[in-house]
Amino acid sequence: MADPIETRPPLPPFTRETAIQKVRAAEDGWNTRDPERVSLAYTMDSVWRNRAEFTHGRAEIVGFLRRKWAKELDYRLIKELWAFTENRIAVRFAYEWHDDSNNWFRSYGNENWEFDERGLMARRHASINDLPIREADRLYHWPLGRRPDDHPGLSELGL
């Protein structure tokens, strides 16, 4: 899938500034809803826990993301830095989506990330809860894709 010597800046050890850059890069990637592209941010043998699903390696990550975005339609995500150390970052996030019956949800969660020396994510642990919302209560209205720079983040939205 990718060259084994690739890097994904910013690289650890992280500063507050580079951790924020890493979080925004992850948000931007996930907002593409492109499983192959997103998988390139992870090591070839990356280990995930997402809710109750355990995923190992890029091929399983791609399969997981294909299933996710086939179910979670019109997906829009915002991530925010919570904490960081040399090679670890904790984030909180919320995303909005609807199912094929047009039932809307806002999913809230936290992720713990661990990176290798090349800046690729080797471990991802996610805890997520889904809150049904009315379509009128949606807060994310930008066109599908990258969140505009002037769109409020989680803290500004009171989430």
N, C-alpha and C. Protein backbone atom coordinates (compact mmCIF):
# COMPACT_ATOMS: atom_id res chain seq x y z
N MET A 1 0.81 -1.20 0.00
CA MET A 1 0.00 0.00 0.00
C MET A 1 0.85 1.26 0.00
N ALA A 2 2.02 1.19 0.64
CA ALA A 2 2.86 2.38 0.67
C ALA A 2 4.30 1.96 0.94
N ASP A 3 5.20 2.87 0.65
CA ASP A 3 6.61 2.66 0.89
C ASP A 3 6.85 2.52 2.39
N PRO A 4 7.57 1.46 2.83
CA PRO A 4 7.77 1.27 4.26
C PRO A 4 8.65 2.33 4.92
N ILE A 5 9.34 3.17 4.15
CA ILE A 5 10.16 4.21 4.77
C ILE A 5 9.49 5.58 4.74
N GLU A 6 8.21 5.62 4.39
CA GLU A 6 7.50 6.89 4.34
C GLU A 6 7.46 7.55 5.72
N THR A 7 7.30 8.87 5.72
CA THR A 7 7.09 9.60 6.97
C THR A 7 5.81 10.41 6.83
N ARG A 8 5.27 10.77 7.98
CA ARG A 8 4.02 11.54 8.01
C ARG A 8 4.21 12.67 9.03
N PRO A 9 4.85 13.79 8.61
CA PRO A 9 5.06 14.91 9.54
C PRO A 9 3.73 15.51 10.01
N PRO A 10 3.73 16.17 11.16
CA PRO A 10 4.87 16.34 12.05
C PRO A 10 5.23 15.04 12.78
N LEU A 11 6.51 14.94 13.11
CA LEU A 11 7.05 13.74 13.73
C LEU A 11 7.20 13.95 15.24
N PRO A 12 7.12 12.86 16.00
CA PRO A 12 7.41 12.98 17.42
C PRO A 12 8.90 13.26 17.62
N PRO A 13 9.27 13.85 18.74
CA PRO A 13 8.42 14.24 19.88
C PRO A 13 7.59 15.48 19.55
N PHE A 14 6.35 15.47 20.04
CA PHE A 14 5.41 16.54 19.73
C PHE A 14 5.55 17.72 20.69
N THR A 15 5.32 18.90 20.14
CA THR A 15 5.10 20.10 20.93
C THR A 15 3.61 20.38 20.88
N ARG A 16 3.14 21.34 21.63
CA ARG A 16 1.71 21.68 21.55
C ARG A 16 1.34 22.04 20.11
N GLU A 17 2.16 22.84 19.46
CA GLU A 17 1.88 23.26 18.08
C GLU A 17 1.85 22.08 17.12
N THR A 18 2.83 21.18 17.21
CA THR A 18 2.85 20.06 16.26
C THR A 18 1.76 19.04 16.59
N ALA A 19 1.39 18.90 17.86
CA ALA A 19 0.28 18.00 18.21
C ALA A 19 -1.03 18.53 17.62
N ILE A 20 -1.25 19.84 17.69
CA ILE A 20 -2.45 20.44 17.09
C ILE A 20 -2.43 20.22 15.58
N GLN A 21 -1.27 20.37 14.93
CA GLN A 21 -1.16 20.13 13.49
C GLN A 21 -1.51 18.67 13.17
N LYS A 22 -1.04 17.75 14.00
CA LYS A 22 -1.30 16.32 13.77
C LYS A 22 -2.79 16.02 13.89
N VAL A 23 -3.44 16.63 14.88
CA VAL A 23 -4.87 16.43 15.08
C VAL A 23 -5.65 16.96 13.87
N ARG A 24 -5.31 18.15 13.41
CA ARG A 24 -6.02 18.72 12.26
C ARG A 24 -5.78 17.88 11.00
N ALA A 25 -4.57 17.37 10.83
CA ALA A 25 -4.29 16.52 9.67
C ALA A 25 -5.15 15.25 9.73
N ALA A 26 -5.31 14.69 10.91
CA ALA A 26 -6.16 13.50 11.05
C ALA A 26 -7.61 13.84 10.74
N GLU A 27 -8.09 14.96 11.27
CA GLU A 27 -9.46 15.39 10.98
C GLU A 27 -9.66 15.57 9.47
N ASP A 28 -8.73 16.26 8.84
CA ASP A 28 -8.83 16.50 7.39
C ASP A 28 -8.86 15.18 6.62
N GLY A 29 -8.00 14.26 7.01
CA GLY A 29 -7.98 12.96 6.33
C GLY A 29 -9.30 12.23 6.46
N TRP A 30 -9.82 12.13 7.68
CA TRP A 30 -11.08 11.41 7.89
C TRP A 30 -12.23 12.10 7.16
N ASN A 31 -12.21 13.40 7.06
CA ASN A 31 -13.29 14.10 6.36
C ASN A 31 -13.28 13.87 4.85
N THR A 32 -12.21 13.28 4.31
CA THR A 32 -12.23 12.89 2.90
C THR A 32 -13.13 11.67 2.69
N ARG A 33 -13.31 10.89 3.72
CA ARG A 33 -14.06 9.62 3.64
C ARG A 33 -13.45 8.70 2.57
N ASP A 34 -12.14 8.74 2.43
CA ASP A 34 -11.41 7.92 1.47
C ASP A 34 -10.59 6.89 2.26
N PRO A 35 -11.09 5.65 2.39
CA PRO A 35 -10.43 4.66 3.25
C PRO A 35 -8.96 4.41 2.90
N GLU A 36 -8.64 4.33 1.63
CA GLU A 36 -7.26 4.07 1.24
C GLU A 36 -6.35 5.23 1.65
N ARG A 37 -6.81 6.43 1.39
CA ARG A 37 -6.00 7.61 1.75
C ARG A 37 -5.83 7.70 3.27
N VAL A 38 -6.90 7.50 4.01
CA VAL A 38 -6.83 7.58 5.48
C VAL A 38 -5.87 6.51 6.01
N SER A 39 -5.91 5.32 5.45
CA SER A 39 -5.08 4.22 5.97
C SER A 39 -3.59 4.52 5.89
N LEU A 40 -3.18 5.41 5.00
CA LEU A 40 -1.75 5.71 4.83
C LEU A 40 -1.16 6.47 6.02
N ALA A 41 -2.00 6.98 6.92
CA ALA A 41 -1.51 7.67 8.11
C ALA A 41 -1.14 6.68 9.22
N TYR A 42 -1.37 5.39 8.99
CA TYR A 42 -1.17 4.35 9.99
C TYR A 42 -0.04 3.42 9.58
N THR A 43 0.63 2.83 10.56
CA THR A 43 1.66 1.84 10.25
C THR A 43 1.03 0.64 9.57
N MET A 44 1.85 -0.12 8.85
CA MET A 44 1.35 -1.31 8.16
C MET A 44 0.71 -2.29 9.14
N ASP A 45 1.17 -2.31 10.39
CA ASP A 45 0.66 -3.24 11.39
C ASP A 45 -0.08 -2.52 12.52
N SER A 46 -0.64 -1.36 12.23
CA SER A 46 -1.35 -0.56 13.23
C SER A 46 -2.43 -1.39 13.92
N VAL A 47 -2.60 -1.13 15.21
CA VAL A 47 -3.59 -1.82 16.04
C VAL A 47 -4.63 -0.81 16.47
N TRP A 48 -5.90 -1.14 16.26
CA TRP A 48 -7.02 -0.26 16.64
C TRP A 48 -7.97 -0.98 17.57
N ARG A 49 -8.57 -0.20 18.45
CA ARG A 49 -9.82 -0.59 19.10
C ARG A 49 -10.77 0.55 18.82
N ASN A 50 -11.86 0.24 18.14
CA ASN A 50 -12.87 1.23 17.81
C ASN A 50 -14.21 0.68 18.30
N ARG A 51 -14.74 1.29 19.35
CA ARG A 51 -15.91 0.74 20.03
C ARG A 51 -15.55 -0.68 20.47
N ALA A 52 -16.26 -1.69 19.97
CA ALA A 52 -15.97 -3.08 20.35
C ALA A 52 -15.26 -3.84 19.23
N GLU A 53 -14.78 -3.13 18.21
CA GLU A 53 -14.12 -3.79 17.08
C GLU A 53 -12.60 -3.61 17.19
N PHE A 54 -11.89 -4.69 16.95
CA PHE A 54 -10.43 -4.67 17.00
C PHE A 54 -9.90 -4.90 15.60
N THR A 55 -9.03 -3.98 15.14
CA THR A 55 -8.54 -3.98 13.77
C THR A 55 -7.02 -4.03 13.81
N HIS A 56 -6.43 -4.81 12.90
CA HIS A 56 -4.97 -4.95 12.84
C HIS A 56 -4.50 -4.76 11.40
N GLY A 57 -3.72 -3.72 11.16
CA GLY A 57 -3.11 -3.52 9.86
C GLY A 57 -3.96 -2.71 8.89
N ARG A 58 -3.28 -2.19 7.89
CA ARG A 58 -3.92 -1.28 6.94
C ARG A 58 -5.06 -1.92 6.17
N ALA A 59 -4.92 -3.17 5.76
CA ALA A 59 -6.00 -3.81 4.99
C ALA A 59 -7.28 -3.86 5.81
N GLU A 60 -7.18 -4.21 7.09
CA GLU A 60 -8.37 -4.24 7.95
C GLU A 60 -8.89 -2.83 8.21
N ILE A 61 -8.00 -1.86 8.31
CA ILE A 61 -8.42 -0.46 8.49
C ILE A 61 -9.26 -0.02 7.29
N VAL A 62 -8.79 -0.32 6.09
CA VAL A 62 -9.54 0.04 4.88
C VAL A 62 -10.92 -0.61 4.91
N GLY A 63 -11.00 -1.88 5.23
CA GLY A 63 -12.29 -2.56 5.30
C GLY A 63 -13.20 -1.96 6.35
N PHE A 64 -12.65 -1.66 7.52
CA PHE A 64 -13.42 -1.03 8.58
C PHE A 64 -13.99 0.31 8.10
N LEU A 65 -13.15 1.15 7.50
CA LEU A 65 -13.60 2.48 7.07
C LEU A 65 -14.62 2.40 5.94
N ARG A 66 -14.47 1.45 5.04
CA ARG A 66 -15.49 1.28 3.99
C ARG A 66 -16.85 0.96 4.61
N ARG A 67 -16.88 0.03 5.57
CA ARG A 67 -18.14 -0.31 6.24
C ARG A 67 -18.69 0.89 7.00
N LYS A 68 -17.82 1.61 7.68
CA LYS A 68 -18.23 2.77 8.48
C LYS A 68 -18.92 3.81 7.60
N TRP A 69 -18.27 4.20 6.51
CA TRP A 69 -18.81 5.28 5.70
C TRP A 69 -19.91 4.84 4.76
N ALA A 70 -20.13 3.54 4.62
CA ALA A 70 -21.31 3.05 3.91
C ALA A 70 -22.54 3.19 4.79
N LYS A 71 -22.34 3.16 6.10
CA LYS A 71 -23.43 3.30 7.09
C LYS A 71 -23.61 4.75 7.54
N GLU A 72 -22.51 5.44 7.81
CA GLU A 72 -22.52 6.80 8.36
C GLU A 72 -22.45 7.79 7.20
N LEU A 73 -23.61 8.17 6.70
CA LEU A 73 -23.71 9.00 5.50
C LEU A 73 -23.56 10.48 5.84
N ASP A 74 -23.03 11.24 4.88
CA ASP A 74 -22.80 12.69 5.04
C ASP A 74 -22.00 13.01 6.30
N TYR A 75 -21.02 12.17 6.56
CA TYR A 75 -20.14 12.24 7.72
C TYR A 75 -19.32 13.53 7.71
N ARG A 76 -19.35 14.26 8.82
CA ARG A 76 -18.53 15.45 9.03
C ARG A 76 -17.98 15.39 10.45
N LEU A 77 -16.68 15.62 10.60
CA LEU A 77 -15.95 15.38 11.84
C LEU A 77 -15.18 16.62 12.29
N ILE A 78 -15.16 16.84 13.60
CA ILE A 78 -14.27 17.83 14.21
C ILE A 78 -13.50 17.13 15.33
N LYS A 79 -12.18 17.30 15.33
CA LYS A 79 -11.31 16.77 16.39
C LYS A 79 -10.66 17.93 17.12
N GLU A 80 -10.33 17.70 18.38
CA GLU A 80 -9.66 18.72 19.19
C GLU A 80 -8.62 18.06 20.09
N LEU A 81 -7.46 18.66 20.17
CA LEU A 81 -6.40 18.16 21.04
C LEU A 81 -6.85 18.19 22.49
N TRP A 82 -6.60 17.11 23.21
CA TRP A 82 -6.89 17.05 24.65
C TRP A 82 -5.59 17.08 25.44
N ALA A 83 -4.62 16.23 25.04
CA ALA A 83 -3.33 16.15 25.75
C ALA A 83 -2.32 15.50 24.81
N PHE A 84 -1.02 15.63 25.17
CA PHE A 84 0.02 15.01 24.35
C PHE A 84 1.26 14.77 25.21
N THR A 85 2.10 13.83 24.76
CA THR A 85 3.44 13.61 25.28
C THR A 85 4.36 13.46 24.09
N GLU A 86 5.52 12.88 24.30
CA GLU A 86 6.50 12.78 23.21
C GLU A 86 5.92 12.14 21.94
N ASN A 87 5.32 10.95 22.07
CA ASN A 87 4.82 10.25 20.88
C ASN A 87 3.36 9.83 21.01
N ARG A 88 2.65 10.45 21.94
CA ARG A 88 1.23 10.13 22.14
C ARG A 88 0.40 11.40 22.12
N ILE A 89 -0.82 11.24 21.59
CA ILE A 89 -1.78 12.34 21.54
C ILE A 89 -3.14 11.80 21.95
N ALA A 90 -3.84 12.55 22.79
CA ALA A 90 -5.23 12.24 23.13
C ALA A 90 -6.11 13.33 22.54
N VAL A 91 -7.21 12.92 21.91
CA VAL A 91 -8.13 13.86 21.29
C VAL A 91 -9.55 13.57 21.76
N ARG A 92 -10.37 14.60 21.66
CA ARG A 92 -11.81 14.41 21.77
C ARG A 92 -12.37 14.83 20.42
N PHE A 93 -13.52 14.27 20.09
CA PHE A 93 -14.09 14.56 18.78
C PHE A 93 -15.59 14.43 18.82
N ALA A 94 -16.21 14.98 17.80
CA ALA A 94 -17.64 14.78 17.57
C ALA A 94 -17.84 14.81 16.06
N TYR A 95 -18.71 13.92 15.59
CA TYR A 95 -19.04 13.94 14.18
C TYR A 95 -20.54 13.77 14.01
N GLU A 96 -21.04 14.30 12.90
CA GLU A 96 -22.47 14.19 12.58
C GLU A 96 -22.62 13.34 11.32
N TRP A 97 -23.71 12.57 11.30
CA TRP A 97 -23.99 11.68 10.18
C TRP A 97 -25.44 11.25 10.25
N HIS A 98 -25.89 10.64 9.14
CA HIS A 98 -27.24 10.07 9.16
C HIS A 98 -27.19 8.67 8.57
N ASP A 99 -28.19 7.88 8.91
CA ASP A 99 -28.28 6.53 8.36
C ASP A 99 -29.11 6.56 7.08
N ASP A 100 -29.34 5.39 6.50
CA ASP A 100 -30.07 5.34 5.23
C ASP A 100 -31.56 5.62 5.38
N SER A 101 -32.04 5.77 6.62
CA SER A 101 -33.43 6.19 6.87
C SER A 101 -33.51 7.67 7.22
N ASN A 102 -32.40 8.38 7.05
CA ASN A 102 -32.29 9.81 7.33
C ASN A 102 -32.46 10.15 8.82
N ASN A 103 -32.08 9.22 9.69
CA ASN A 103 -32.00 9.49 11.13
C ASN A 103 -30.62 10.07 11.40
N TRP A 104 -30.60 11.25 12.03
CA TRP A 104 -29.34 11.95 12.27
C TRP A 104 -28.79 11.62 13.65
N PHE A 105 -27.45 11.65 13.74
CA PHE A 105 -26.73 11.37 14.98
C PHE A 105 -25.56 12.33 15.12
N ARG A 106 -25.21 12.61 16.36
CA ARG A 106 -23.92 13.23 16.67
C ARG A 106 -23.19 12.21 17.53
N SER A 107 -22.05 11.79 17.06
CA SER A 107 -21.25 10.80 17.77
C SER A 107 -20.11 11.52 18.48
N TYR A 108 -20.00 11.28 19.78
CA TYR A 108 -18.98 11.90 20.62
C TYR A 108 -17.96 10.85 21.01
N GLY A 109 -16.70 11.24 21.10
CA GLY A 109 -15.72 10.25 21.51
C GLY A 109 -14.38 10.83 21.91
N ASN A 110 -13.55 9.91 22.34
CA ASN A 110 -12.17 10.19 22.71
C ASN A 110 -11.29 9.15 22.04
N GLU A 111 -10.11 9.58 21.64
CA GLU A 111 -9.14 8.67 21.05
C GLU A 111 -7.79 8.87 21.72
N ASN A 112 -7.07 7.78 21.88
CA ASN A 112 -5.68 7.79 22.32
C ASN A 112 -4.84 7.25 21.18
N TRP A 113 -3.83 8.03 20.80
CA TRP A 113 -2.99 7.68 19.65
C TRP A 113 -1.54 7.51 20.11
N GLU A 114 -0.86 6.55 19.48
CA GLU A 114 0.58 6.37 19.68
C GLU A 114 1.25 6.29 18.32
N PHE A 115 2.32 7.07 18.15
CA PHE A 115 2.99 7.19 16.86
C PHE A 115 4.37 6.56 16.89
N ASP A 116 4.80 6.08 15.73
CA ASP A 116 6.18 5.62 15.61
C ASP A 116 7.07 6.81 15.25
N GLU A 117 8.35 6.56 15.10
CA GLU A 117 9.31 7.65 14.85
C GLU A 117 9.11 8.31 13.50
N ARG A 118 8.35 7.67 12.58
CA ARG A 118 8.09 8.24 11.25
C ARG A 118 6.82 9.09 11.23
N GLY A 119 6.15 9.20 12.38
CA GLY A 119 4.92 9.98 12.44
C GLY A 119 3.69 9.21 12.02
N LEU A 120 3.82 7.88 11.83
CA LEU A 120 2.68 7.04 11.50
C LEU A 120 2.04 6.53 12.79
N MET A 121 0.72 6.44 12.80
CA MET A 121 0.02 6.01 13.99
C MET A 121 0.10 4.49 14.10
N ALA A 122 0.67 4.03 15.20
CA ALA A 122 0.83 2.60 15.44
C ALA A 122 -0.32 2.03 16.26
N ARG A 123 -0.93 2.86 17.10
CA ARG A 123 -2.04 2.42 17.95
C ARG A 123 -3.10 3.50 17.99
N ARG A 124 -4.36 3.05 17.95
CA ARG A 124 -5.51 3.96 18.05
C ARG A 124 -6.57 3.27 18.89
N HIS A 125 -6.94 3.91 20.00
CA HIS A 125 -7.98 3.38 20.88
C HIS A 125 -9.09 4.43 20.93
N ALA A 126 -10.30 4.04 20.48
CA ALA A 126 -11.42 4.98 20.40
C ALA A 126 -12.60 4.50 21.23
N SER A 127 -13.17 5.41 21.97
CA SER A 127 -14.43 5.19 22.69
C SER A 127 -15.43 6.20 22.14
N ILE A 128 -16.61 5.71 21.73
CA ILE A 128 -17.56 6.55 21.00
C ILE A 128 -18.98 6.27 21.47
N ASN A 129 -19.78 7.33 21.60
CA ASN A 129 -21.20 7.23 21.92
C ASN A 129 -22.00 7.99 20.87
N ASP A 130 -23.14 7.43 20.48
CA ASP A 130 -23.99 8.05 19.46
C ASP A 130 -25.22 8.67 20.12
N LEU A 131 -25.46 9.93 19.81
CA LEU A 131 -26.63 10.65 20.31
C LEU A 131 -27.56 10.94 19.15
N PRO A 132 -28.79 10.40 19.14
CA PRO A 132 -29.73 10.78 18.09
C PRO A 132 -30.04 12.28 18.18
N ILE A 133 -30.04 12.96 17.04
CA ILE A 133 -30.38 14.39 17.00
C ILE A 133 -31.40 14.61 15.89
N ARG A 134 -32.12 15.73 16.00
CA ARG A 134 -33.01 16.12 14.91
C ARG A 134 -32.15 16.80 13.84
N GLU A 135 -32.57 16.68 12.60
CA GLU A 135 -31.81 17.33 11.53
C GLU A 135 -31.67 18.83 11.81
N ALA A 136 -32.68 19.43 12.40
CA ALA A 136 -32.65 20.86 12.72
C ALA A 136 -31.60 21.20 13.78
N ASP A 137 -31.12 20.19 14.54
CA ASP A 137 -30.12 20.41 15.59
C ASP A 137 -28.69 20.22 15.10
N ARG A 138 -28.53 19.92 13.83
CA ARG A 138 -27.18 19.76 13.29
C ARG A 138 -26.39 21.06 13.41
N LEU A 139 -25.08 20.93 13.64
CA LEU A 139 -24.20 22.09 13.75
C LEU A 139 -23.14 22.14 12.65
N TYR A 140 -22.99 21.05 11.93
CA TYR A 140 -21.94 20.95 10.91
C TYR A 140 -22.61 21.03 9.54
N HIS A 141 -22.46 22.17 8.89
CA HIS A 141 -23.15 22.38 7.61
C HIS A 141 -22.21 22.68 6.45
N TRP A 142 -20.90 22.52 6.65
CA TRP A 142 -20.00 22.81 5.54
C TRP A 142 -20.15 21.75 4.45
N PRO A 143 -19.76 22.07 3.22
CA PRO A 143 -19.80 21.05 2.15
C PRO A 143 -18.94 19.85 2.54
N LEU A 144 -19.31 18.67 2.10
CA LEU A 144 -18.54 17.48 2.42
C LEU A 144 -17.08 17.71 2.08
N GLY A 145 -16.20 17.22 2.94
CA GLY A 145 -14.76 17.40 2.77
C GLY A 145 -14.19 18.13 3.96
N ARG A 146 -13.06 18.79 3.75
CA ARG A 146 -12.33 19.47 4.81
C ARG A 146 -13.18 20.54 5.48
N ARG A 147 -13.13 20.58 6.82
CA ARG A 147 -13.83 21.64 7.57
C ARG A 147 -13.14 22.96 7.26
N PRO A 148 -13.91 23.99 6.87
CA PRO A 148 -13.30 25.30 6.59
C PRO A 148 -12.58 25.85 7.82
N ASP A 149 -11.50 26.57 7.57
CA ASP A 149 -10.71 27.14 8.68
C ASP A 149 -11.52 28.08 9.56
N ASP A 150 -12.53 28.74 9.01
CA ASP A 150 -13.32 29.67 9.80
C ASP A 150 -14.52 29.02 10.49
N HIS A 151 -14.69 27.70 10.34
CA HIS A 151 -15.79 27.01 11.01
C HIS A 151 -15.40 26.77 12.47
N PRO A 152 -16.31 27.03 13.41
CA PRO A 152 -15.95 26.82 14.82
C PRO A 152 -15.56 25.38 15.12
N GLY A 153 -14.67 25.23 16.10
CA GLY A 153 -14.28 23.92 16.60
C GLY A 153 -15.22 23.47 17.71
N LEU A 154 -14.87 22.35 18.35
CA LEU A 154 -15.73 21.80 19.39
C LEU A 154 -15.94 22.76 20.55
N SER A 155 -14.88 23.35 21.05
CA SER A 155 -15.01 24.26 22.20
C SER A 155 -15.87 25.46 21.86
N GLU A 156 -15.65 26.02 20.65
CA GLU A 156 -16.43 27.19 20.24
C GLU A 156 -17.91 26.85 20.06
N LEU A 157 -18.20 25.61 19.69
CA LEU A 157 -19.58 25.17 19.52
C LEU A 157 -20.23 24.74 20.84
N GLY A 158 -19.45 24.71 21.90
CA GLY A 158 -19.99 24.28 23.20
C GLY A 158 -20.17 22.78 23.29
N LEU A 159 -19.45 22.03 22.47
CA LEU A 159 -19.54 20.58 22.50
C LEU A 159 -18.43 20.04 23.35
